Amino acid sequence: MSFITVDLGTTNIKVTAFTDDLQEAASTSVKVIYTTQGKLIEFDPETYFAGILGSIVQLVLQLREPVRQIVLTGQAESLVLLDNKARVLRAGISWLDTRSDQECDRIRQAFPEDAAFLVTGQPANTPTWPITKILWLKEHEPDIFGQVDKFVLLKDYIQYRLTGILLGEYSIYNFSYYFDIRKKDYWQDLLDWCGIRRSQLPELVEPCTTVGKISADIARETGLPLTVKVNIGTLDHFAGMIGTGNIRPGIISESTGTVLSLATLLDRPILSEDPRIACHYGPFKDSYVLLPVCESGGISLEWFQNNLAEMLTYQELDKRVAEKQRPGELVFLPYLTGTNSPDFNADAKGVLYGLKLVHDRIDCALAVMEGVAYLLHRNLASLERMGVQAERVITTGGGSKSDIWCQIKADQTGYAFAVPRQTEAASLGCALIGAVASGVYDGYQQGIDASVAWNKTFTPANAEPYQALNHLYDTLYQQLGPVFALDAARGK
């Protein structure tokens, strides 16, 4: 028997098959296509789903064993609008879309961030949140808004297309800004203020719930038997925690994918004022996760490679960067999309400081890697101030495949960084969810003991020079604060 995992990525959709003993059997990847115009970043939900369906068909043709479950994970905030026949009304709006900054201001005036934090667990109201996009649609596309029967998030929509059952789950809706983390329910006051009826939102269930069987249409299109069930899964970061054995307090996971994120499990919500770190509903019943998320993570290196080093592969960049003396002479503030955790300054900009005639694109690449590691350092320091300590950090995502970047992170933060053998930990975590839900394992720890192995560990080897560099970062960011504010006042 086997499991199919679907990771609803921002850049790529990953569909992977695992055997019952959690060995990867086959995998496919589909690039996500966006339409971009200024701050608007949209996608076609139908095309997105078609990519998933096509990938499942490919895997089914390769598998020799029947499939038990399809398990979902992936991004949270991307918004899909459905009419009263569950048809898509307009293009989906990506979480990367920043059109709704004015709507953020309006919500802040009615629901100040300090008070909202105690309800949602989210330190700041940013254009990332679906509620701000819904308000934008109400004001700019009233005809569409009036036709909406359901506002759903991307994972809800994919699960509905697979089963015909529309549900949401708590760990995803904690990223909506209209979820009450303590009540485990929608934040009704905000919904009322925005003019959203509760009936326009899906019912919510616990993460990792087995929803039901695939529909007859999906069985016919994929060749899967009608006995295959769909598990609603959990957020990709949380699936990654499971896939690396981070299922108890005292462990820190780090992922450098499109975004940079950290995660550590709690048995109760901690809504601290200083530092103010995002607190989310976790992957298990009544579990919680401190989740500092930085949108200018791996996307910073992707931006650099695509625009300034397109002639070099990531592997070639790694090799050339490893030849440079570290720390580098340049400082890169990786705030290409502003900064959220731990500073929450939407006005911040990306900055490359210290350029001289002697510097080349590889110096700049090193600066980008060190800049993302600096952002990681600031967030680890914030977790330490909240009493979270760990002997090492488990690192996953695309960034974990770069030995030089892992070493830079270790040197810059002072933590050892352990790389699991299965670096795409979210997919393995999904398979673990399916295996536990299907009764293959009695619990998650048993599955982890059987499947999670380690590749290598990077220990700090050059930490002292990075302490001075981190101080330079701090000073540069603080000194540029008034400049960022001035730019924002000019509308730039």
Protein backbone atom coordinates (compact mmCIF):
# COMPACT_ATOMS: atom_id res chain seq x y z
CA MET A 1 0.00 0.00 0.00
CA SER A 2 1.11 3.59 -0.49
CA PHE A 3 0.31 7.23 0.18
CA ILE A 4 0.24 10.22 -2.16
CA THR A 5 1.21 13.56 -0.64
CA VAL A 6 0.37 16.89 -2.24
CA ASP A 7 2.37 19.96 -1.21
CA LEU A 8 0.56 23.06 -2.46
CA GLY A 9 3.65 25.17 -2.96
CA THR A 10 3.99 28.81 -3.93
CA THR A 11 6.63 28.22 -6.59
CA ASN A 12 6.06 24.54 -7.33
CA ILE A 13 3.42 21.94 -6.53
CA LYS A 14 5.09 18.75 -5.30
CA VAL A 15 3.22 15.46 -5.54
CA THR A 16 5.01 12.47 -4.03
CA ALA A 17 4.23 8.80 -3.44
CA PHE A 18 5.44 6.93 -0.35
CA THR A 19 5.29 3.24 0.50
CA ASP A 20 3.83 1.99 3.78
CA ASP A 21 7.32 1.99 5.31
CA LEU A 22 7.58 5.66 4.29
CA GLN A 23 10.12 5.26 1.51
CA GLU A 24 9.72 7.68 -1.39
CA ALA A 25 8.49 5.74 -4.43
CA ALA A 26 7.99 8.51 -7.02
CA SER A 27 7.67 12.27 -7.24
CA THR A 28 6.63 15.02 -9.64
CA SER A 29 6.76 18.80 -9.59
CA VAL A 30 4.64 21.37 -11.43
CA LYS A 31 5.59 25.05 -11.66
CA VAL A 32 2.90 27.48 -10.49
CA ILE A 33 2.03 30.18 -13.03
CA TYR A 34 1.06 33.68 -11.89
CA THR A 35 -0.33 36.79 -13.51
CA THR A 36 1.43 39.81 -12.04
CA GLN A 37 0.56 43.48 -12.38
CA GLY A 38 2.13 45.81 -9.86
CA LYS A 39 1.03 44.67 -6.41
CA LEU A 40 -1.48 42.20 -7.88
CA ILE A 41 -0.34 38.55 -7.96
CA GLU A 42 -3.03 36.11 -9.11
CA PHE A 43 -3.34 32.52 -10.31
CA ASP A 44 -5.96 30.32 -11.92
CA PRO A 45 -7.31 27.80 -9.35
CA GLU A 46 -8.53 25.51 -12.13
CA THR A 47 -5.06 25.39 -13.70
CA TYR A 48 -3.53 24.86 -10.27
CA PHE A 49 -5.82 21.88 -9.63
CA ALA A 50 -5.23 20.50 -13.12
CA GLY A 51 -1.50 20.41 -12.35
CA ILE A 52 -2.20 18.35 -9.23
CA LEU A 53 -4.52 15.97 -11.08
CA GLY A 54 -2.01 15.45 -13.86
CA SER A 55 0.71 14.71 -11.33
CA ILE A 56 -1.46 12.16 -9.53
CA VAL A 57 -2.15 10.42 -12.84
CA GLN A 58 1.60 10.24 -13.53
CA LEU A 59 2.28 8.68 -10.13
CA VAL A 60 -0.58 6.18 -10.37
CA LEU A 61 0.93 4.88 -13.61
CA GLN A 62 4.25 4.31 -11.83
CA LEU A 63 2.98 2.75 -8.59
CA ARG A 64 2.81 -0.97 -8.13
CA GLU A 65 0.88 -0.81 -4.87
CA PRO A 66 -2.66 0.51 -4.23
CA VAL A 67 -3.03 3.93 -2.62
CA ARG A 68 -4.47 4.29 0.88
CA GLN A 69 -4.72 8.07 1.24
CA ILE A 70 -4.01 11.37 -0.43
CA VAL A 71 -2.66 13.79 2.20
CA LEU A 72 -2.56 17.57 1.67
CA THR A 73 -0.23 20.24 2.94
CA GLY A 74 1.04 23.58 1.67
CA GLN A 75 0.56 27.31 1.73
CA ALA A 76 -2.17 28.90 3.80
CA GLU A 77 -3.35 32.37 2.81
CA SER A 78 -4.04 32.22 -0.93
CA LEU A 79 -7.71 33.05 -1.50
CA VAL A 80 -10.29 31.44 -3.80
CA LEU A 81 -13.87 32.68 -4.36
CA LEU A 82 -16.71 30.28 -5.18
CA ASP A 83 -20.28 30.91 -6.37
CA ASN A 84 -23.37 29.02 -5.20
CA LYS A 85 -22.51 26.09 -7.46
CA ALA A 86 -18.94 25.93 -6.10
CA ARG A 87 -17.52 27.34 -9.33
CA VAL A 88 -14.52 29.66 -9.24
CA LEU A 89 -15.68 33.28 -9.62
CA ARG A 90 -12.39 34.98 -10.44
CA ALA A 91 -8.63 34.43 -10.37
CA GLY A 92 -7.25 33.29 -7.04
CA ILE A 93 -5.27 35.87 -5.07
CA SER A 94 -1.83 34.73 -3.90
CA TRP A 95 -0.60 35.34 -0.39
CA LEU A 96 2.27 37.24 -2.07
CA ASP A 97 -0.22 39.83 -3.38
CA THR A 98 0.06 43.20 -1.55
CA ARG A 99 -2.84 45.16 -3.04
CA SER A 100 -4.64 45.55 0.28
CA ASP A 101 -2.39 47.87 2.28
CA GLN A 102 -5.13 50.51 2.60
CA GLU A 103 -7.57 47.87 3.80
CA CYS A 104 -5.01 46.87 6.44
CA ASP A 105 -5.07 50.45 7.70
CA ARG A 106 -8.85 50.44 7.89
CA ILE A 107 -8.93 47.19 9.85
CA ARG A 108 -6.21 48.45 12.19
CA GLN A 109 -8.27 51.53 12.98
CA ALA A 110 -11.29 49.42 13.90
CA PHE A 111 -9.33 46.55 15.50
CA PRO A 112 -5.95 47.78 16.82
CA GLU A 113 -3.10 45.33 16.41
CA ASP A 114 -2.44 45.02 20.16
CA ALA A 115 -5.98 43.81 20.77
CA ALA A 116 -6.13 41.71 17.60
CA PHE A 117 -2.94 39.89 18.60
CA LEU A 118 -4.66 38.53 21.70
CA VAL A 119 -7.43 37.10 19.51
CA THR A 120 -5.58 35.89 16.42
CA GLY A 121 -2.07 35.25 17.73
CA GLN A 122 -0.78 37.37 14.82
CA PRO A 123 1.44 40.32 15.79
CA ALA A 124 0.66 42.49 12.78
CA ASN A 125 -2.07 43.07 10.23
CA THR A 126 -0.41 42.81 6.83
CA PRO A 127 -1.63 42.51 3.21
CA THR A 128 -0.77 38.81 3.41
CA TRP A 129 -3.97 38.05 5.33
CA PRO A 130 -7.02 36.93 3.33
CA ILE A 131 -9.36 39.20 5.30
CA THR A 132 -7.62 42.27 3.85
CA LYS A 133 -8.07 40.95 0.30
CA ILE A 134 -11.74 40.17 0.96
CA LEU A 135 -12.26 43.76 2.08
CA TRP A 136 -10.41 44.97 -1.04
CA LEU A 137 -12.77 42.89 -3.22
CA LYS A 138 -15.78 44.34 -1.42
CA GLU A 139 -14.62 47.86 -2.23
CA HIS A 140 -13.12 47.38 -5.71
CA GLU A 141 -15.12 44.48 -7.20
CA PRO A 142 -18.56 44.78 -5.57
CA ASP A 143 -20.28 42.77 -8.33
CA ILE A 144 -17.98 39.81 -7.72
CA PHE A 145 -18.22 40.24 -3.96
CA GLY A 146 -22.01 40.08 -4.17
CA GLN A 147 -21.87 36.74 -6.00
CA VAL A 148 -19.61 34.99 -3.47
CA ASP A 149 -21.16 31.98 -1.80
CA LYS A 150 -17.90 30.82 -0.18
CA PHE A 151 -14.59 32.47 0.62
CA VAL A 152 -12.12 29.59 0.87
CA LEU A 153 -8.39 29.12 1.11
CA LEU A 154 -6.43 27.18 -1.48
CA LYS A 155 -6.11 23.92 0.47
CA ASP A 156 -9.88 23.93 1.15
CA TYR A 157 -10.53 24.25 -2.56
CA ILE A 158 -8.18 21.41 -3.55
CA GLN A 159 -9.66 19.13 -0.90
CA TYR A 160 -13.16 20.00 -2.12
CA ARG A 161 -12.24 19.21 -5.73
CA LEU A 162 -10.90 15.82 -4.67
CA THR A 163 -13.82 14.81 -2.41
CA GLY A 164 -16.81 17.08 -3.00
CA ILE A 165 -16.67 17.94 0.73
CA LEU A 166 -15.84 21.51 1.70
CA LEU A 167 -14.03 21.90 5.04
CA GLY A 168 -11.23 24.00 6.49
CA GLU A 169 -8.85 23.13 9.30
CA TYR A 170 -7.59 25.16 12.24
CA SER A 171 -3.86 25.30 11.44
CA ILE A 172 -4.55 26.92 8.06
CA TYR A 173 -7.22 29.33 9.24
CA ASN A 174 -4.91 30.73 11.89
CA PHE A 175 -3.42 32.51 8.83
CA SER A 176 -6.67 34.20 7.85
CA TYR A 177 -6.70 36.96 10.52
CA TYR A 178 -10.33 36.07 11.20
CA PHE A 179 -9.64 33.04 13.42
CA ASP A 180 -9.82 33.19 17.23
CA ILE A 181 -6.93 31.03 18.43
CA ARG A 182 -8.30 30.55 21.94
CA LYS A 183 -11.89 29.76 20.92
CA LYS A 184 -10.82 27.66 17.89
CA ASP A 185 -13.48 29.43 15.86
CA TYR A 186 -13.97 32.37 13.52
CA TRP A 187 -13.55 35.89 14.91
CA GLN A 188 -17.15 36.94 14.55
CA ASP A 189 -16.70 40.64 15.42
CA LEU A 190 -14.29 41.15 12.52
CA LEU A 191 -16.47 39.16 10.11
CA ASP A 192 -19.49 41.27 11.03
CA TRP A 193 -17.50 44.47 10.53
CA CYS A 194 -16.36 43.32 7.07
CA GLY A 195 -19.85 42.20 6.07
CA ILE A 196 -19.01 38.50 5.77
CA ARG A 197 -21.66 35.96 6.73
CA ARG A 198 -20.54 32.90 8.65
CA SER A 199 -22.31 30.78 6.06
CA GLN A 200 -19.82 32.10 3.50
CA LEU A 201 -16.98 30.27 5.27
CA PRO A 202 -16.33 26.52 5.50
CA GLU A 203 -16.85 24.52 8.66
CA LEU A 204 -13.58 23.92 10.53
CA VAL A 205 -12.11 20.64 11.77
CA GLU A 206 -8.90 19.52 13.47
CA PRO A 207 -5.76 19.31 11.32
CA CYS A 208 -4.84 15.86 9.98
CA THR A 209 -8.51 14.80 9.76
CA THR A 210 -9.42 12.16 7.20
CA VAL A 211 -12.22 13.94 5.35
CA GLY A 212 -13.66 11.21 3.15
CA LYS A 213 -13.18 9.27 -0.04
CA ILE A 214 -12.29 10.69 -3.44
CA SER A 215 -15.24 11.47 -5.68
CA ALA A 216 -16.30 9.21 -8.52
CA ASP A 217 -15.10 11.83 -11.02
CA ILE A 218 -11.62 11.90 -9.50
CA ALA A 219 -11.46 8.11 -9.41
CA ARG A 220 -12.37 7.98 -13.10
CA GLU A 221 -9.88 10.68 -14.11
CA THR A 222 -6.94 9.33 -12.10
CA GLY A 223 -7.47 5.58 -12.20
CA LEU A 224 -7.53 5.45 -8.40
CA PRO A 225 -10.06 3.17 -6.69
CA LEU A 226 -13.01 4.76 -4.88
CA THR A 227 -11.59 3.44 -1.59
CA VAL A 228 -8.84 6.09 -1.57
CA LYS A 229 -9.39 8.64 1.22
CA VAL A 230 -8.30 12.25 1.44
CA ASN A 231 -6.68 13.62 4.59
CA ILE A 232 -6.99 17.37 5.08
CA GLY A 233 -3.44 17.47 6.46
CA THR A 234 -1.91 20.62 7.92
CA LEU A 235 0.22 23.66 7.07
CA ASP A 236 3.43 22.87 5.17
CA HIS A 237 5.63 24.18 7.99
CA PHE A 238 3.85 21.89 10.46
CA ALA A 239 4.03 18.89 8.14
CA GLY A 240 7.75 19.62 7.94
CA MET A 241 7.96 19.57 11.73
CA ILE A 242 6.39 16.11 11.78
CA GLY A 243 8.69 14.97 8.98
CA THR A 244 11.77 15.85 11.05
CA GLY A 245 10.58 14.55 14.40
CA ASN A 246 9.74 17.98 15.84
CA ILE A 247 6.63 16.87 17.72
CA ARG A 248 7.41 18.00 21.28
CA PRO A 249 8.47 21.25 22.99
CA GLY A 250 12.19 22.06 23.03
CA ILE A 251 12.95 21.44 19.35
CA ILE A 252 13.37 24.16 16.70
CA SER A 253 12.80 23.59 12.99
CA GLU A 254 13.93 26.02 10.30
CA SER A 255 12.94 26.03 6.67
CA THR A 256 14.38 28.18 3.92
CA GLY A 257 12.02 27.80 1.01
CA THR A 258 10.32 30.73 -0.67
CA VAL A 259 9.92 32.10 2.85
CA LEU A 260 12.15 31.63 5.88
CA SER A 261 10.35 30.17 8.86
CA LEU A 262 11.06 28.74 12.28
CA ALA A 263 8.76 26.53 14.31
CA THR A 264 8.71 25.18 17.84
CA LEU A 265 5.84 23.30 19.46
CA LEU A 266 3.98 24.44 22.59
CA ASP A 267 1.31 22.82 24.75
CA ARG A 268 -0.46 26.16 25.27
CA PRO A 269 -0.68 29.45 23.39
CA ILE A 270 1.94 32.05 24.35
CA LEU A 271 0.96 35.57 23.37
CA SER A 272 4.00 37.53 24.51
CA GLU A 273 4.21 41.30 24.19
CA ASP A 274 8.02 41.44 23.95
CA PRO A 275 9.09 39.88 21.73
CA ARG A 276 5.81 39.54 19.89
CA ILE A 277 6.07 36.27 17.98
CA ALA A 278 3.28 34.75 15.91
CA CYS A 279 1.50 31.94 17.76
CA HIS A 280 -0.51 29.43 15.73
CA TYR A 281 -2.76 26.48 16.28
CA GLY A 282 -0.57 23.43 15.72
CA PRO A 283 -0.85 20.18 13.77
CA PHE A 284 -2.19 18.13 16.70
CA LYS A 285 -5.33 18.61 18.77
CA ASP A 286 -4.84 21.48 21.24
CA SER A 287 -1.20 22.02 20.24
CA TYR A 288 0.32 25.40 19.41
CA VAL A 289 3.36 26.57 17.49
CA LEU A 290 5.52 29.67 17.73
CA LEU A 291 6.11 30.44 14.09
CA PRO A 292 8.28 33.37 13.13
CA VAL A 293 7.87 33.70 9.35
CA CYS A 294 9.99 35.92 7.13
CA GLU A 295 8.73 36.40 3.59
CA SER A 296 12.15 37.61 2.41
CA GLY A 297 13.74 34.21 2.86
CA GLY A 298 14.73 31.92 0.02
CA ILE A 299 12.92 34.22 -2.38
CA SER A 300 15.81 36.68 -1.89
CA LEU A 301 18.31 34.24 -3.38
CA GLU A 302 15.80 33.27 -6.07
CA TRP A 303 15.41 36.96 -6.97
CA PHE A 304 19.18 37.39 -7.10
CA GLN A 305 19.75 34.32 -9.27
CA ASN A 306 16.90 35.14 -11.66
CA ASN A 307 17.83 38.77 -12.16
CA LEU A 308 21.55 39.20 -11.49
CA ALA A 309 23.11 35.76 -11.93
CA GLU A 310 20.87 33.98 -14.43
CA MET A 311 23.93 32.46 -16.14
CA LEU A 312 24.80 30.53 -12.96
CA THR A 313 22.93 27.61 -11.41
CA TYR A 314 22.40 27.46 -7.66
CA GLN A 315 25.08 24.76 -7.51
CA GLU A 316 27.55 27.00 -9.33
CA LEU A 317 26.68 29.89 -7.01
CA ASP A 318 27.32 27.64 -4.00
CA LYS A 319 30.71 26.58 -5.33
CA ARG A 320 31.80 30.15 -6.08
CA VAL A 321 30.50 31.52 -2.77
CA ALA A 322 32.38 28.80 -0.85
CA GLU A 323 35.62 30.16 -2.34
CA LYS A 324 35.05 33.62 -0.84
CA GLN A 325 36.35 34.75 2.53
CA ARG A 326 33.62 34.84 5.15
CA PRO A 327 32.08 36.96 6.51
CA GLY A 328 31.86 38.99 3.34
CA GLU A 329 32.44 42.73 3.10
CA LEU A 330 28.92 43.50 1.86
CA VAL A 331 25.75 43.69 3.91
CA PHE A 332 22.39 42.75 2.42
CA LEU A 333 19.18 43.62 4.24
CA PRO A 334 16.81 41.03 2.74
CA TYR A 335 13.64 43.08 3.04
CA LEU A 336 12.48 42.75 -0.57
CA THR A 337 8.86 42.43 0.61
CA GLY A 338 9.20 44.47 3.81
CA THR A 339 9.87 42.61 7.02
CA ASN A 340 7.55 40.73 9.32
CA SER A 341 9.03 38.70 12.19
CA PRO A 342 10.53 39.95 14.41
CA ASP A 343 10.36 43.65 13.39
CA PHE A 344 7.08 43.90 11.44
CA ASN A 345 7.95 46.87 9.28
CA ALA A 346 6.14 46.84 5.93
CA ASP A 347 8.08 49.98 4.92
CA ALA A 348 11.50 48.29 5.06
CA LYS A 349 13.33 47.84 1.76
CA GLY A 350 16.06 45.57 0.47
CA VAL A 351 19.49 47.18 0.80
CA LEU A 352 22.95 46.17 -0.46
CA TYR A 353 25.52 48.14 1.54
CA GLY A 354 29.28 48.49 1.13
CA LEU A 355 29.74 48.14 -2.63
CA LYS A 356 33.16 48.99 -4.06
CA LEU A 357 34.76 48.55 -7.47
CA VAL A 358 36.46 45.34 -6.31
CA HIS A 359 33.19 43.53 -5.63
CA ASP A 360 31.55 41.15 -8.10
CA ARG A 361 28.28 39.21 -8.35
CA ILE A 362 29.64 36.40 -6.15
CA ASP A 363 30.32 38.88 -3.34
CA CYS A 364 26.69 39.93 -3.76
CA ALA A 365 25.51 36.30 -3.66
CA LEU A 366 27.42 35.75 -0.41
CA ALA A 367 25.84 38.91 0.99
CA VAL A 368 22.35 37.61 0.12
CA MET A 369 23.03 34.29 1.89
CA GLU A 370 24.44 36.09 4.93
CA GLY A 371 21.52 38.53 4.92
CA VAL A 372 18.97 35.73 5.13
CA ALA A 373 21.07 34.10 7.88
CA TYR A 374 21.04 37.41 9.74
CA LEU A 375 17.24 37.42 9.59
CA LEU A 376 17.32 33.88 10.99
CA HIS A 377 19.67 35.03 13.77
CA ARG A 378 17.27 37.80 14.82
CA ASN A 379 14.37 35.38 15.05
CA LEU A 380 16.30 32.74 16.99
CA ALA A 381 17.34 35.46 19.44
CA SER A 382 13.67 36.41 19.87
CA LEU A 383 12.74 32.79 20.66
CA GLU A 384 15.54 32.66 23.24
CA ARG A 385 14.06 35.71 24.95
CA MET A 386 10.80 33.77 25.25
CA GLY A 387 12.57 30.89 26.95
CA VAL A 388 12.85 28.58 23.94
CA GLN A 389 16.20 26.80 23.94
CA ALA A 390 17.45 24.00 21.74
CA GLU A 391 20.76 22.19 21.27
CA ARG A 392 20.44 22.39 17.51
CA VAL A 393 18.21 23.57 14.71
CA ILE A 394 16.67 21.13 12.23
CA THR A 395 16.95 22.70 8.77
CA THR A 396 14.79 21.76 5.79
CA GLY A 397 13.58 23.18 2.48
CA GLY A 398 15.59 24.13 -0.56
CA GLY A 399 18.14 26.06 1.50
CA SER A 400 19.17 22.91 3.38
CA LYS A 401 20.59 21.49 0.15
CA SER A 402 23.31 24.16 0.16
CA ASP A 403 26.23 23.14 2.39
CA ILE A 404 27.74 26.61 2.32
CA TRP A 405 24.47 28.27 3.29
CA CYS A 406 23.98 25.81 6.17
CA GLN A 407 27.51 26.58 7.40
CA ILE A 408 26.86 30.33 7.17
CA LYS A 409 23.69 29.88 9.23
CA ALA A 410 25.57 27.90 11.87
CA ASP A 411 28.38 30.49 12.07
CA GLN A 412 26.02 33.46 12.12
CA THR A 413 23.60 32.10 14.74
CA GLY A 414 25.88 29.99 16.94
CA TYR A 415 23.57 26.97 16.61
CA ALA A 416 24.38 23.58 15.08
CA PHE A 417 22.21 22.90 12.01
CA ALA A 418 21.13 19.31 11.39
CA VAL A 419 20.00 18.26 7.91
CA PRO A 420 17.57 15.33 7.69
CA ARG A 421 18.13 12.78 4.95
CA GLN A 422 14.67 13.59 3.60
CA THR A 423 15.13 17.35 2.99
CA GLU A 424 11.60 17.75 1.59
CA ALA A 425 10.32 17.13 5.10
CA ALA A 426 6.79 18.40 4.47
CA SER A 427 6.15 15.53 2.07
CA LEU A 428 7.49 12.95 4.52
CA GLY A 429 5.43 14.57 7.28
CA CYS A 430 2.34 14.21 5.10
CA ALA A 431 3.11 10.54 4.56
CA LEU A 432 3.47 10.13 8.33
CA ILE A 433 0.08 11.77 8.82
CA GLY A 434 -1.46 9.32 6.40
CA ALA A 435 0.32 6.34 7.94
CA VAL A 436 -0.86 7.21 11.46
CA ALA A 437 -4.41 8.01 10.27
CA SER A 438 -4.52 4.66 8.43
CA GLY A 439 -3.26 2.68 11.40
CA VAL A 440 0.08 1.68 9.85
CA TYR A 441 1.74 3.18 12.96
CA ASP A 442 0.29 3.44 16.44
CA GLY A 443 1.48 7.03 16.76
CA TYR A 444 3.76 9.68 15.31
CA GLN A 445 6.81 8.81 17.40
CA GLN A 446 6.73 5.21 16.17
CA GLY A 447 6.58 6.44 12.58
CA ILE A 448 9.37 8.96 13.17
CA ASP A 449 11.64 6.32 14.73
CA ALA A 450 11.12 4.17 11.65
CA SER A 451 11.54 6.85 8.98
CA VAL A 452 13.50 9.95 10.05
CA ALA A 453 17.27 9.77 9.51
CA TRP A 454 20.00 12.39 9.47
CA ASN A 455 22.31 13.38 6.65
CA LYS A 456 24.83 15.76 8.22
CA THR A 457 25.24 18.40 10.91
CA PHE A 458 26.95 21.80 10.54
CA THR A 459 28.50 23.20 13.73
CA PRO A 460 29.62 26.81 14.24
CA ALA A 461 33.22 27.17 13.07
CA ASN A 462 33.59 30.91 12.46
CA ALA A 463 31.13 32.44 14.92
CA GLU A 464 33.12 35.35 16.41
CA PRO A 465 33.48 37.45 13.23
CA TYR A 466 29.76 37.06 12.59
CA GLN A 467 28.93 38.64 15.95
CA ALA A 468 30.44 41.91 14.71
CA LEU A 469 28.67 41.53 11.36
CA ASN A 470 25.31 41.00 13.08
CA HIS A 471 25.91 44.19 15.05
CA LEU A 472 26.53 46.02 11.77
CA TYR A 473 23.23 44.65 10.43
CA ASP A 474 21.39 45.87 13.51
CA THR A 475 22.94 49.33 13.24
CA LEU A 476 22.24 49.63 9.53
CA TYR A 477 18.61 48.58 9.93
CA GLN A 478 18.04 51.03 12.80
CA GLN A 479 19.72 53.93 10.98
CA LEU A 480 17.69 53.32 7.82
CA GLY A 481 14.39 53.27 9.69
CA PRO A 482 13.69 57.01 9.07
CA VAL A 483 14.62 56.57 5.39
CA PHE A 484 12.15 53.70 5.01
CA ALA A 485 9.46 55.83 6.66
CA LEU A 486 10.23 58.78 4.37
CA ASP A 487 9.98 56.55 1.31
CA ALA A 488 6.64 55.20 2.53
CA ALA A 489 5.34 58.75 3.01
CA ARG A 490 6.28 59.46 -0.62
CA GLY A 491 4.33 56.40 -1.69
CA LYS A 492 7.46 54.50 -2.78
